Amino acid sequence: MPKKQKTTQTGESITIIAFLVLLLPHCGKDSNPVAKTPVEKEQTGYYTSGSKLMKDSCEWELRGTDKMSAWDKNYDEVASWGMDISRECVDMKLMSDELLLEIVGKARSKGFVTILTAFWWNSDALPGGGTPYPDCQLLGATPSLDPRFDNIQKRWREIAALFKNQSDVWFGVWNEPYDWKKETTASAEQWLADAVLMVDNIRGTGANNIIVLCGNAMGQGHEPFLSKGAELLAGRNNIVFDIHAYRTYWDVSRQEIEARLVELQNANIAPVIIGEFAANGEHPFTNIMAACRTTHTSLLAWLWGQYQEPFKTQFKNYCLEQRNTQCGNE
């Protein structure tokens, strides 16, 4: 008798539990919204986050040089200076995929970021070229109005496919566009229209590499970044703004240079680099280096192989300084 009662009680318990389970919300895989939300992967390599240039999970500062590896692909001495970024001058008609792959490979073997930058079209200084200097250059032009624009955009699509999503290869879409005089240079609206065309051209290939954009006034004008940068970045990412800090507009105090850089950083639009400065040591450099050191702004000097003293020694020492130590780079 006690045994039979226990069996009955057990059966009743199972029935009650089953009934309660039916009353509970169904928590299967298909109905669980948390389970359907993908976990974001931690980003790796080089990318941008607001006004920060990132490497893996760390904010990063780079120091380096502009270089013409079409004639000299040796990176040994460049690397011995403690540099880790180069801005390579590219002829968008004549430099082949094979040559670009070789240049990037040489740089990468030394741990460098490479900015492939559109400098020339059909330069007669390269085999097969037919346009002499200075007409082979792109600087000073309004990109979308330049007769070479469509062919250059086609070549960018090819280059983007070649280096697609390799985070240490960046694309400098047009070197020093627009008139250098601020009173006659392109408006911020023109800068934005051209930037949208050039950025979207590359993004249309599926490549999310960092894209580097000069401002107006042949790269010395940073004002369009402030007035139209947020509009450009709406729905776009991995863009870096490039300032060329020369005598015309950047021969000012360290405090003024810092104030400009801090204003850009505080705008939280995109990271800023100084892609050219010093011009072989003949243009201002002391205040620019000091301001970049204070603001942790990445800095590249023009042009490798042509530095003069005292700039040469000072910049070498600057590049050899420890940086990014908070990320274990000591």
C-alpha atoms as a PDB file:
ATOM      1  CA  MET A   1       0.000   0.000   0.000  1.00  0.00           C
ATOM      2  CA  PRO A   2       2.646   2.643   0.829  1.00  0.00           C
ATOM      3  CA  LYS A   3       4.457   1.665  -2.375  1.00  0.00           C
ATOM      4  CA  LYS A   4       1.304   2.217  -4.485  1.00  0.00           C
ATOM      5  CA  GLN A   5       0.736   5.630  -2.887  1.00  0.00           C
ATOM      6  CA  LYS A   6       4.291   6.661  -3.723  1.00  0.00           C
ATOM      7  CA  THR A   7       3.786   5.699  -7.365  1.00  0.00           C
ATOM      8  CA  THR A   8       0.576   7.724  -7.556  1.00  0.00           C
ATOM      9  CA  GLN A   9       2.242  10.758  -6.020  1.00  0.00           C
ATOM     10  CA  THR A  10       5.127  10.461  -8.439  1.00  0.00           C
ATOM     11  CA  GLY A  11       2.785  10.350 -11.425  1.00  0.00           C
ATOM     12  CA  GLU A  12       0.895  13.390 -10.166  1.00  0.00           C
ATOM     13  CA  SER A  13       4.183  15.263  -9.729  1.00  0.00           C
ATOM     14  CA  ILE A  14       5.256  14.519 -13.293  1.00  0.00           C
ATOM     15  CA  THR A  15       1.893  15.720 -14.601  1.00  0.00           C
ATOM     16  CA  ILE A  16       2.125  18.973 -12.627  1.00  0.00           C
ATOM     17  CA  ILE A  17       5.719  19.624 -13.805  1.00  0.00           C
ATOM     18  CA  ALA A  18       4.752  18.998 -17.414  1.00  0.00           C
ATOM     19  CA  PHE A  19       1.823  21.392 -17.084  1.00  0.00           C
ATOM     20  CA  LEU A  20       4.057  24.098 -15.593  1.00  0.00           C
ATOM     21  CA  VAL A  21       6.593  23.679 -18.397  1.00  0.00           C
ATOM     22  CA  LEU A  22       3.825  24.291 -20.929  1.00  0.00           C
ATOM     23  CA  LEU A  23       2.892  27.507 -19.112  1.00  0.00           C
ATOM     24  CA  LEU A  24       6.495  28.834 -19.150  1.00  0.00           C
ATOM     25  CA  PRO A  25       7.611  31.038 -22.089  1.00  0.00           C
ATOM     26  CA  HIS A  26       9.173  28.956 -24.818  1.00  0.00           C
ATOM     27  CA  CYS A  27      12.958  29.613 -24.774  1.00  0.00           C
ATOM     28  CA  GLY A  28      13.986  27.742 -27.870  1.00  0.00           C
ATOM     29  CA  LYS A  29      16.850  28.924 -30.136  1.00  0.00           C
ATOM     30  CA  ASP A  30      14.564  30.492 -32.733  1.00  0.00           C
ATOM     31  CA  SER A  31      12.717  32.735 -30.297  1.00  0.00           C
ATOM     32  CA  ASN A  32      15.625  33.942 -28.215  1.00  0.00           C
ATOM     33  CA  PRO A  33      16.561  37.452 -29.430  1.00  0.00           C
ATOM     34  CA  VAL A  34      19.884  37.368 -27.587  1.00  0.00           C
ATOM     35  CA  ALA A  35      20.892  34.200 -29.371  1.00  0.00           C
ATOM     36  CA  LYS A  36      20.083  35.859 -32.696  1.00  0.00           C
ATOM     37  CA  THR A  37      22.327  38.874 -32.017  1.00  0.00           C
ATOM     38  CA  PRO A  38      25.771  38.172 -33.480  1.00  0.00           C
ATOM     39  CA  VAL A  39      28.729  38.827 -31.211  1.00  0.00           C
ATOM     40  CA  GLU A  40      30.951  41.480 -32.817  1.00  0.00           C
ATOM     41  CA  LYS A  41      34.458  40.338 -33.505  1.00  0.00           C
ATOM     42  CA  GLU A  42      37.249  42.416 -32.016  1.00  0.00           C
ATOM     43  CA  GLN A  43      38.784  44.440 -34.853  1.00  0.00           C
ATOM     44  CA  THR A  44      42.355  43.650 -35.758  1.00  0.00           C
ATOM     45  CA  GLY A  45      44.992  45.405 -37.797  1.00  0.00           C
ATOM     46  CA  TYR A  46      44.728  49.117 -38.609  1.00  0.00           C
ATOM     47  CA  TYR A  47      41.371  50.863 -38.578  1.00  0.00           C
ATOM     48  CA  THR A  48      39.775  54.093 -37.370  1.00  0.00           C
ATOM     49  CA  SER A  49      37.522  54.784 -34.419  1.00  0.00           C
ATOM     50  CA  GLY A  50      36.256  58.348 -34.344  1.00  0.00           C
ATOM     51  CA  SER A  51      39.345  60.544 -34.325  1.00  0.00           C
ATOM     52  CA  LYS A  52      41.578  57.676 -33.241  1.00  0.00           C
ATOM     53  CA  LEU A  53      43.874  55.641 -35.427  1.00  0.00           C
ATOM     54  CA  MET A  54      43.822  52.119 -34.043  1.00  0.00           C
ATOM     55  CA  LYS A  55      46.042  49.057 -34.301  1.00  0.00           C
ATOM     56  CA  ASP A  56      44.220  46.049 -32.894  1.00  0.00           C
ATOM     57  CA  SER A  57      42.759  47.343 -29.616  1.00  0.00           C
ATOM     58  CA  CYS A  58      45.250  50.187 -29.136  1.00  0.00           C
ATOM     59  CA  GLU A  59      45.327  53.800 -30.256  1.00  0.00           C
ATOM     60  CA  TRP A  60      48.384  54.112 -32.467  1.00  0.00           C
ATOM     61  CA  GLU A  61      50.901  56.728 -33.618  1.00  0.00           C
ATOM     62  CA  LEU A  62      53.084  56.252 -36.695  1.00  0.00           C
ATOM     63  CA  ARG A  63      56.209  58.054 -37.869  1.00  0.00           C
ATOM     64  CA  GLY A  64      57.725  57.778 -41.286  1.00  0.00           C
ATOM     65  CA  THR A  65      58.582  59.151 -44.689  1.00  0.00           C
ATOM     66  CA  ASP A  66      57.402  59.837 -48.192  1.00  0.00           C
ATOM     67  CA  LYS A  67      59.229  57.578 -50.621  1.00  0.00           C
ATOM     68  CA  MET A  68      59.666  56.927 -54.339  1.00  0.00           C
ATOM     69  CA  SER A  69      60.246  53.188 -54.420  1.00  0.00           C
ATOM     70  CA  ALA A  70      59.622  53.118 -58.166  1.00  0.00           C
ATOM     71  CA  TRP A  71      63.365  53.856 -58.272  1.00  0.00           C
ATOM     72  CA  ASP A  72      64.552  52.580 -54.880  1.00  0.00           C
ATOM     73  CA  LYS A  73      62.766  49.707 -53.129  1.00  0.00           C
ATOM     74  CA  ASN A  74      65.381  49.295 -50.376  1.00  0.00           C
ATOM     75  CA  TYR A  75      63.760  49.642 -46.942  1.00  0.00           C
ATOM     76  CA  ASP A  76      66.737  48.659 -44.777  1.00  0.00           C
ATOM     77  CA  GLU A  77      67.941  52.172 -43.892  1.00  0.00           C
ATOM     78  CA  VAL A  78      64.414  53.541 -43.631  1.00  0.00           C
ATOM     79  CA  ALA A  79      63.594  50.877 -41.049  1.00  0.00           C
ATOM     80  CA  SER A  80      66.821  51.558 -39.130  1.00  0.00           C
ATOM     81  CA  TRP A  81      65.474  55.042 -38.391  1.00  0.00           C
ATOM     82  CA  GLY A  82      62.651  53.581 -36.338  1.00  0.00           C
ATOM     83  CA  MET A  83      60.025  54.469 -38.944  1.00  0.00           C
ATOM     84  CA  ASP A  84      56.910  52.362 -39.463  1.00  0.00           C
ATOM     85  CA  ILE A  85      54.961  54.072 -42.270  1.00  0.00           C
ATOM     86  CA  SER A  86      55.781  55.168 -45.814  1.00  0.00           C
ATOM     87  CA  ARG A  87      53.781  57.143 -48.319  1.00  0.00           C
ATOM     88  CA  GLU A  88      54.628  55.790 -51.757  1.00  0.00           C
ATOM     89  CA  CYS A  89      54.380  57.970 -54.868  1.00  0.00           C
ATOM     90  CA  VAL A  90      52.454  56.079 -57.550  1.00  0.00           C
ATOM     91  CA  ASP A  91      52.059  56.697 -61.275  1.00  0.00           C
ATOM     92  CA  MET A  92      48.466  55.624 -61.797  1.00  0.00           C
ATOM     93  CA  LYS A  93      49.030  54.696 -65.451  1.00  0.00           C
ATOM     94  CA  LEU A  94      52.489  53.180 -65.548  1.00  0.00           C
ATOM     95  CA  MET A  95      53.167  51.380 -62.265  1.00  0.00           C
ATOM     96  CA  SER A  96      52.074  47.758 -62.662  1.00  0.00           C
ATOM     97  CA  ASP A  97      50.414  45.448 -60.166  1.00  0.00           C
ATOM     98  CA  GLU A  98      53.677  43.520 -59.956  1.00  0.00           C
ATOM     99  CA  LEU A  99      55.650  46.630 -59.035  1.00  0.00           C
ATOM    100  CA  LEU A 100      53.098  47.708 -56.406  1.00  0.00           C
ATOM    101  CA  LEU A 101      53.102  44.206 -54.891  1.00  0.00           C
ATOM    102  CA  GLU A 102      56.890  44.299 -54.720  1.00  0.00           C
ATOM    103  CA  ILE A 103      56.917  47.732 -53.059  1.00  0.00           C
ATOM    104  CA  VAL A 104      54.318  46.722 -50.468  1.00  0.00           C
ATOM    105  CA  GLY A 105      56.158  43.451 -49.848  1.00  0.00           C
ATOM    106  CA  LYS A 106      59.437  45.253 -49.150  1.00  0.00           C
ATOM    107  CA  ALA A 107      57.707  47.661 -46.780  1.00  0.00           C
ATOM    108  CA  ARG A 108      55.721  44.925 -45.049  1.00  0.00           C
ATOM    109  CA  SER A 109      58.851  42.844 -44.450  1.00  0.00           C
ATOM    110  CA  LYS A 110      60.047  45.716 -42.207  1.00  0.00           C
ATOM    111  CA  GLY A 111      56.699  46.127 -40.442  1.00  0.00           C
ATOM    112  CA  PHE A 112      55.635  49.243 -42.357  1.00  0.00           C
ATOM    113  CA  VAL A 113      52.226  50.581 -43.214  1.00  0.00           C
ATOM    114  CA  THR A 114      52.218  51.613 -46.887  1.00  0.00           C
ATOM    115  CA  ILE A 115      50.121  54.494 -48.215  1.00  0.00           C
ATOM    116  CA  LEU A 116      49.885  54.038 -51.972  1.00  0.00           C
ATOM    117  CA  THR A 117      49.249  57.583 -53.179  1.00  0.00           C
ATOM    118  CA  ALA A 118      48.196  58.831 -56.612  1.00  0.00           C
ATOM    119  CA  PHE A 119      50.929  61.298 -57.621  1.00  0.00           C
ATOM    120  CA  TRP A 120      51.441  61.083 -61.379  1.00  0.00           C
ATOM    121  CA  TRP A 121      49.820  60.018 -64.607  1.00  0.00           C
ATOM    122  CA  ASN A 122      52.039  58.866 -67.478  1.00  0.00           C
ATOM    123  CA  SER A 123      55.286  60.403 -66.170  1.00  0.00           C
ATOM    124  CA  ASP A 124      58.102  60.337 -68.721  1.00  0.00           C
ATOM    125  CA  ALA A 125      60.483  59.578 -65.856  1.00  0.00           C
ATOM    126  CA  LEU A 126      59.156  55.995 -65.953  1.00  0.00           C
ATOM    127  CA  PRO A 127      59.559  53.527 -68.836  1.00  0.00           C
ATOM    128  CA  GLY A 128      56.901  54.144 -71.467  1.00  0.00           C
ATOM    129  CA  GLY A 129      55.794  57.462 -70.013  1.00  0.00           C
ATOM    130  CA  GLY A 130      54.964  60.351 -72.294  1.00  0.00           C
ATOM    131  CA  THR A 131      54.178  63.333 -70.050  1.00  0.00           C
ATOM    132  CA  PRO A 132      57.060  65.451 -68.704  1.00  0.00           C
ATOM    133  CA  TYR A 133      57.167  67.075 -65.274  1.00  0.00           C
ATOM    134  CA  PRO A 134      55.258  69.032 -64.025  1.00  0.00           C
ATOM    135  CA  ASP A 135      52.278  68.154 -66.237  1.00  0.00           C
ATOM    136  CA  CYS A 136      52.399  64.500 -65.173  1.00  0.00           C
ATOM    137  CA  GLN A 137      51.568  65.518 -61.601  1.00  0.00           C
ATOM    138  CA  LEU A 138      48.063  65.516 -60.131  1.00  0.00           C
ATOM    139  CA  LEU A 139      48.596  68.332 -57.647  1.00  0.00           C
ATOM    140  CA  GLY A 140      46.591  71.512 -57.954  1.00  0.00           C
ATOM    141  CA  ALA A 141      43.806  69.809 -59.917  1.00  0.00           C
ATOM    142  CA  THR A 142      40.130  69.556 -59.030  1.00  0.00           C
ATOM    143  CA  PRO A 143      39.825  65.763 -59.211  1.00  0.00           C
ATOM    144  CA  SER A 144      36.343  65.351 -60.685  1.00  0.00           C
ATOM    145  CA  LEU A 145      37.035  68.034 -63.320  1.00  0.00           C
ATOM    146  CA  ASP A 146      40.410  66.638 -64.351  1.00  0.00           C
ATOM    147  CA  PRO A 147      40.412  64.781 -67.708  1.00  0.00           C
ATOM    148  CA  ARG A 148      42.368  61.923 -66.083  1.00  0.00           C
ATOM    149  CA  PHE A 149      39.776  61.372 -63.354  1.00  0.00           C
ATOM    150  CA  ASP A 150      37.846  58.425 -64.835  1.00  0.00           C
ATOM    151  CA  ASN A 151      40.987  56.490 -65.730  1.00  0.00           C
ATOM    152  CA  ILE A 152      42.453  57.125 -62.289  1.00  0.00           C
ATOM    153  CA  GLN A 153      39.274  55.879 -60.609  1.00  0.00           C
ATOM    154  CA  LYS A 154      39.376  52.743 -62.786  1.00  0.00           C
ATOM    155  CA  ARG A 155      42.965  52.138 -61.726  1.00  0.00           C
ATOM    156  CA  TRP A 156      41.996  52.629 -58.081  1.00  0.00           C
ATOM    157  CA  ARG A 157      39.380  49.889 -58.422  1.00  0.00           C
ATOM    158  CA  GLU A 158      42.089  47.562 -59.707  1.00  0.00           C
ATOM    159  CA  ILE A 159      44.479  48.486 -56.894  1.00  0.00           C
ATOM    160  CA  ALA A 160      41.722  48.146 -54.303  1.00  0.00           C
ATOM    161  CA  ALA A 161      40.953  44.639 -55.542  1.00  0.00           C
ATOM    162  CA  LEU A 162      44.673  43.780 -55.444  1.00  0.00           C
ATOM    163  CA  PHE A 163      45.106  44.803 -51.795  1.00  0.00           C
ATOM    164  CA  LYS A 164      41.533  44.320 -50.620  1.00  0.00           C
ATOM    165  CA  ASN A 165      41.170  44.503 -46.819  1.00  0.00           C
ATOM    166  CA  GLN A 166      44.912  44.334 -46.157  1.00  0.00           C
ATOM    167  CA  SER A 167      44.870  46.765 -43.254  1.00  0.00           C
ATOM    168  CA  ASP A 168      48.529  47.790 -43.599  1.00  0.00           C
ATOM    169  CA  VAL A 169      47.918  49.082 -47.156  1.00  0.00           C
ATOM    170  CA  TRP A 170      46.156  52.452 -47.301  1.00  0.00           C
ATOM    171  CA  PHE A 171      44.946  54.334 -50.356  1.00  0.00           C
ATOM    172  CA  GLY A 172      45.891  58.007 -50.807  1.00  0.00           C
ATOM    173  CA  VAL A 173      43.401  58.796 -53.526  1.00  0.00           C
ATOM    174  CA  TRP A 174      44.766  62.122 -54.864  1.00  0.00           C
ATOM    175  CA  ASN A 175      47.920  64.026 -53.964  1.00  0.00           C
ATOM    176  CA  GLU A 176      47.546  67.724 -53.110  1.00  0.00           C
ATOM    177  CA  PRO A 177      44.382  68.680 -54.989  1.00  0.00           C
ATOM    178  CA  TYR A 178      43.098  72.222 -55.630  1.00  0.00           C
ATOM    179  CA  ASP A 179      44.749  75.611 -55.960  1.00  0.00           C
ATOM    180  CA  TRP A 180      47.192  76.416 -53.180  1.00  0.00           C
ATOM    181  CA  LYS A 181      45.788  79.903 -52.500  1.00  0.00           C
ATOM    182  CA  LYS A 182      43.017  79.745 -49.927  1.00  0.00           C
ATOM    183  CA  GLU A 183      41.143  82.632 -51.531  1.00  0.00           C
ATOM    184  CA  THR A 184      40.943  80.711 -54.840  1.00  0.00           C
ATOM    185  CA  THR A 185      41.056  77.090 -53.708  1.00  0.00           C
ATOM    186  CA  ALA A 186      38.093  74.715 -53.872  1.00  0.00           C
ATOM    187  CA  SER A 187      35.169  75.235 -51.545  1.00  0.00           C
ATOM    188  CA  ALA A 188      34.361  72.759 -48.804  1.00  0.00           C
ATOM    189  CA  GLU A 189      31.369  71.682 -50.901  1.00  0.00           C
ATOM    190  CA  GLN A 190      33.627  70.850 -53.857  1.00  0.00           C
ATOM    191  CA  TRP A 191      36.008  68.970 -51.566  1.00  0.00           C
ATOM    192  CA  LEU A 192      33.099  66.935 -50.180  1.00  0.00           C
ATOM    193  CA  ALA A 193      31.698  66.118 -53.629  1.00  0.00           C
ATOM    194  CA  ASP A 194      35.081  64.873 -54.850  1.00  0.00           C
ATOM    195  CA  ALA A 195      35.765  62.958 -51.634  1.00  0.00           C
ATOM    196  CA  VAL A 196      32.433  61.138 -51.872  1.00  0.00           C
ATOM    197  CA  LEU A 197      33.156  60.077 -55.462  1.00  0.00           C
ATOM    198  CA  MET A 198      36.652  58.822 -54.690  1.00  0.00           C
ATOM    199  CA  VAL A 199      35.797  57.049 -51.441  1.00  0.00           C
ATOM    200  CA  ASP A 200      32.691  55.354 -52.831  1.00  0.00           C
ATOM    201  CA  ASN A 201      34.612  54.287 -55.928  1.00  0.00           C
ATOM    202  CA  ILE A 202      36.949  52.226 -53.750  1.00  0.00           C
ATOM    203  CA  ARG A 203      34.267  51.008 -51.371  1.00  0.00           C
ATOM    204  CA  GLY A 204      32.333  49.717 -54.374  1.00  0.00           C
ATOM    205  CA  THR A 205      35.004  47.023 -54.757  1.00  0.00           C
ATOM    206  CA  GLY A 206      34.316  45.735 -51.245  1.00  0.00           C
ATOM    207  CA  ALA A 207      37.704  46.981 -50.001  1.00  0.00           C
ATOM    208  CA  ASN A 208      37.540  48.524 -46.533  1.00  0.00           C
ATOM    209  CA  ASN A 209      41.193  49.614 -46.391  1.00  0.00           C
ATOM    210  CA  ILE A 210      41.902  53.000 -44.825  1.00  0.00           C
ATOM    211  CA  ILE A 211      41.460  55.790 -47.404  1.00  0.00           C
ATOM    212  CA  VAL A 212      43.615  58.914 -47.006  1.00  0.00           C
ATOM    213  CA  LEU A 213      42.233  62.278 -48.129  1.00  0.00           C
ATOM    214  CA  CYS A 214      44.069  65.575 -48.498  1.00  0.00           C
ATOM    215  CA  GLY A 215      42.198  68.794 -47.780  1.00  0.00           C
ATOM    216  CA  ASN A 216      42.121  71.760 -50.144  1.00  0.00           C
ATOM    217  CA  ALA A 217      44.895  74.323 -50.857  1.00  0.00           C
ATOM    218  CA  MET A 218      47.207  71.549 -52.151  1.00  0.00           C
ATOM    219  CA  GLY A 219      46.856  69.670 -48.902  1.00  0.00           C
ATOM    220  CA  GLN A 220      47.591  72.574 -46.578  1.00  0.00           C
ATOM    221  CA  GLY A 221      43.934  73.432 -45.998  1.00  0.00           C
ATOM    222  CA  HIS A 222      42.363  71.530 -43.103  1.00  0.00           C
ATOM    223  CA  GLU A 223      39.157  73.580 -42.906  1.00  0.00           C
ATOM    224  CA  PRO A 224      37.018  71.242 -45.094  1.00  0.00           C
ATOM    225  CA  PHE A 225      37.678  68.452 -42.607  1.00  0.00           C
ATOM    226  CA  LEU A 226      35.970  70.490 -39.914  1.00  0.00           C
ATOM    227  CA  SER A 227      33.079  71.841 -41.978  1.00  0.00           C
ATOM    228  CA  LYS A 228      32.246  68.787 -44.116  1.00  0.00           C
ATOM    229  CA  GLY A 229      34.058  65.863 -42.518  1.00  0.00           C
ATOM    230  CA  ALA A 230      31.080  64.667 -40.497  1.00  0.00           C
ATOM    231  CA  GLU A 231      28.910  64.713 -43.624  1.00  0.00           C
ATOM    232  CA  LEU A 232      31.471  62.608 -45.465  1.00  0.00           C
ATOM    233  CA  LEU A 233      31.726  60.131 -42.590  1.00  0.00           C
ATOM    234  CA  ALA A 234      27.964  59.563 -42.417  1.00  0.00           C
ATOM    235  CA  GLY A 235      27.710  55.924 -43.445  1.00  0.00           C
ATOM    236  CA  ARG A 236      31.440  55.685 -44.242  1.00  0.00           C
ATOM    237  CA  ASN A 237      34.399  54.569 -42.165  1.00  0.00           C
ATOM    238  CA  ASN A 238      38.141  53.965 -42.229  1.00  0.00           C
ATOM    239  CA  ILE A 239      38.981  57.419 -43.545  1.00  0.00           C
ATOM    240  CA  VAL A 240      42.057  59.404 -42.510  1.00  0.00           C
ATOM    241  CA  PHE A 241      42.530  63.137 -43.138  1.00  0.00           C
ATOM    242  CA  ASP A 242      45.943  64.214 -44.418  1.00  0.00           C
ATOM    243  CA  ILE A 243      47.529  67.627 -43.804  1.00  0.00           C
ATOM    244  CA  HIS A 244      50.635  68.827 -45.626  1.00  0.00           C
ATOM    245  CA  ALA A 245      52.231  71.242 -43.196  1.00  0.00           C
ATOM    246  CA  TYR A 246      54.378  73.634 -45.189  1.00  0.00           C
ATOM    247  CA  ARG A 247      55.487  77.237 -44.963  1.00  0.00           C
ATOM    248  CA  THR A 248      52.448  78.861 -46.559  1.00  0.00           C
ATOM    249  CA  TYR A 249      49.922  78.043 -43.813  1.00  0.00           C
ATOM    250  CA  TRP A 250      51.804  76.071 -41.158  1.00  0.00           C
ATOM    251  CA  ASP A 251      54.772  78.287 -40.323  1.00  0.00           C
ATOM    252  CA  VAL A 252      53.117  79.244 -37.044  1.00  0.00           C
ATOM    253  CA  SER A 253      53.771  78.664 -33.359  1.00  0.00           C
ATOM    254  CA  ARG A 254      53.713  75.235 -31.741  1.00  0.00           C
ATOM    255  CA  GLN A 255      50.693  76.381 -29.732  1.00  0.00           C
ATOM    256  CA  GLU A 256      48.753  77.269 -32.888  1.00  0.00           C
ATOM    257  CA  ILE A 257      49.601  73.969 -34.570  1.00  0.00           C
ATOM    258  CA  GLU A 258      48.559  72.093 -31.437  1.00  0.00           C
ATOM    259  CA  ALA A 259      45.310  74.042 -31.261  1.00  0.00           C
ATOM    260  CA  ARG A 260      44.447  73.100 -34.856  1.00  0.00           C
ATOM    261  CA  LEU A 261      45.240  69.436 -34.273  1.00  0.00           C
ATOM    262  CA  VAL A 262      43.316  69.335 -30.991  1.00  0.00           C
ATOM    263  CA  GLU A 263      40.299  70.961 -32.648  1.00  0.00           C
ATOM    264  CA  LEU A 264      40.314  68.226 -35.283  1.00  0.00           C
ATOM    265  CA  GLN A 265      40.710  65.518 -32.657  1.00  0.00           C
ATOM    266  CA  ASN A 266      37.910  66.922 -30.523  1.00  0.00           C
ATOM    267  CA  ALA A 267      35.612  66.967 -33.555  1.00  0.00           C
ATOM    268  CA  ASN A 268      35.759  63.146 -33.365  1.00  0.00           C
ATOM    269  CA  ILE A 269      35.347  62.813 -37.139  1.00  0.00           C
ATOM    270  CA  ALA A 270      38.397  60.943 -38.408  1.00  0.00           C
ATOM    271  CA  PRO A 271      42.067  60.604 -37.464  1.00  0.00           C
ATOM    272  CA  VAL A 272      44.466  63.205 -38.830  1.00  0.00           C
ATOM    273  CA  ILE A 273      48.013  62.637 -40.025  1.00  0.00           C
ATOM    274  CA  ILE A 274      50.667  65.039 -41.258  1.00  0.00           C
ATOM    275  CA  GLY A 275      51.425  63.327 -44.555  1.00  0.00           C
ATOM    276  CA  GLU A 276      54.143  65.773 -45.602  1.00  0.00           C
ATOM    277  CA  PHE A 277      56.234  68.332 -43.775  1.00  0.00           C
ATOM    278  CA  ALA A 278      59.772  69.770 -43.682  1.00  0.00           C
ATOM    279  CA  ALA A 279      60.386  69.492 -47.490  1.00  0.00           C
ATOM    280  CA  ASN A 280      63.890  68.090 -47.169  1.00  0.00           C
ATOM    281  CA  GLY A 281      64.573  70.302 -44.146  1.00  0.00           C
ATOM    282  CA  GLU A 282      64.040  73.578 -45.965  1.00  0.00           C
ATOM    283  CA  HIS A 283      60.551  74.215 -44.547  1.00  0.00           C
ATOM    284  CA  PRO A 284      59.459  74.598 -40.907  1.00  0.00           C
ATOM    285  CA  PHE A 285      59.787  71.467 -38.813  1.00  0.00           C
ATOM    286  CA  THR A 286      60.614  72.151 -35.146  1.00  0.00           C
ATOM    287  CA  ASN A 287      57.169  73.377 -34.078  1.00  0.00           C
ATOM    288  CA  ILE A 288      55.388  70.754 -36.179  1.00  0.00           C
ATOM    289  CA  MET A 289      57.344  67.894 -34.619  1.00  0.00           C
ATOM    290  CA  ALA A 290      56.749  69.259 -31.120  1.00  0.00           C
ATOM    291  CA  ALA A 291      53.005  69.655 -31.703  1.00  0.00           C
ATOM    292  CA  CYS A 292      52.685  66.164 -33.184  1.00  0.00           C
ATOM    293  CA  ARG A 293      54.588  64.689 -30.251  1.00  0.00           C
ATOM    294  CA  THR A 294      52.229  66.344 -27.766  1.00  0.00           C
ATOM    295  CA  THR A 295      49.058  65.364 -29.633  1.00  0.00           C
ATOM    296  CA  HIS A 296      50.303  61.900 -30.713  1.00  0.00           C
ATOM    297  CA  THR A 297      49.700  62.784 -34.357  1.00  0.00           C
ATOM    298  CA  SER A 298      51.252  60.504 -36.970  1.00  0.00           C
ATOM    299  CA  LEU A 299      53.859  62.332 -39.022  1.00  0.00           C
ATOM    300  CA  LEU A 300      55.651  61.720 -42.344  1.00  0.00           C
ATOM    301  CA  ALA A 301      58.476  63.800 -43.825  1.00  0.00           C
ATOM    302  CA  TRP A 302      59.111  64.685 -47.459  1.00  0.00           C
ATOM    303  CA  LEU A 303      61.278  63.143 -49.083  1.00  0.00           C
ATOM    304  CA  TRP A 304      63.383  60.076 -48.257  1.00  0.00           C
ATOM    305  CA  GLY A 305      66.955  60.456 -49.477  1.00  0.00           C
ATOM    306  CA  GLN A 306      66.838  64.258 -49.604  1.00  0.00           C
ATOM    307  CA  TYR A 307      66.893  65.292 -45.932  1.00  0.00           C
ATOM    308  CA  GLN A 308      69.345  68.028 -45.002  1.00  0.00           C
ATOM    309  CA  GLU A 309      70.949  68.892 -41.673  1.00  0.00           C
ATOM    310  CA  PRO A 310      70.005  69.823 -39.021  1.00  0.00           C
ATOM    311  CA  PHE A 311      66.597  68.356 -39.846  1.00  0.00           C
ATOM    312  CA  LYS A 312      68.026  64.980 -40.843  1.00  0.00           C
ATOM    313  CA  THR A 313      69.462  64.166 -37.415  1.00  0.00           C
ATOM    314  CA  GLN A 314      66.559  65.709 -35.502  1.00  0.00           C
ATOM    315  CA  PHE A 315      63.951  63.742 -37.424  1.00  0.00           C
ATOM    316  CA  LYS A 316      65.877  60.484 -37.113  1.00  0.00           C
ATOM    317  CA  ASN A 317      65.990  60.969 -33.339  1.00  0.00           C
ATOM    318  CA  TYR A 318      62.276  61.820 -33.363  1.00  0.00           C
ATOM    319  CA  CYS A 319      61.422  58.605 -35.172  1.00  0.00           C
ATOM    320  CA  LEU A 320      63.563  56.575 -32.776  1.00  0.00           C
ATOM    321  CA  GLU A 321      61.693  57.877 -29.729  1.00  0.00           C
ATOM    322  CA  GLN A 322      59.569  55.341 -27.879  1.00  0.00           C
ATOM    323  CA  ARG A 323      55.851  55.587 -28.574  1.00  0.00           C
ATOM    324  CA  ASN A 324      52.773  53.393 -28.225  1.00  0.00           C
ATOM    325  CA  THR A 325      54.349  52.066 -25.025  1.00  0.00           C
ATOM    326  CA  GLN A 326      50.912  51.679 -23.449  1.00  0.00           C
ATOM    327  CA  CYS A 327      50.364  48.866 -25.958  1.00  0.00           C
ATOM    328  CA  GLY A 328      53.569  47.027 -25.188  1.00  0.00           C
ATOM    329  CA  ASN A 329      55.592  48.624 -28.000  1.00  0.00           C
ATOM    330  CA  GLU A 330      58.806  49.206 -26.087  1.00  0.00           C
END
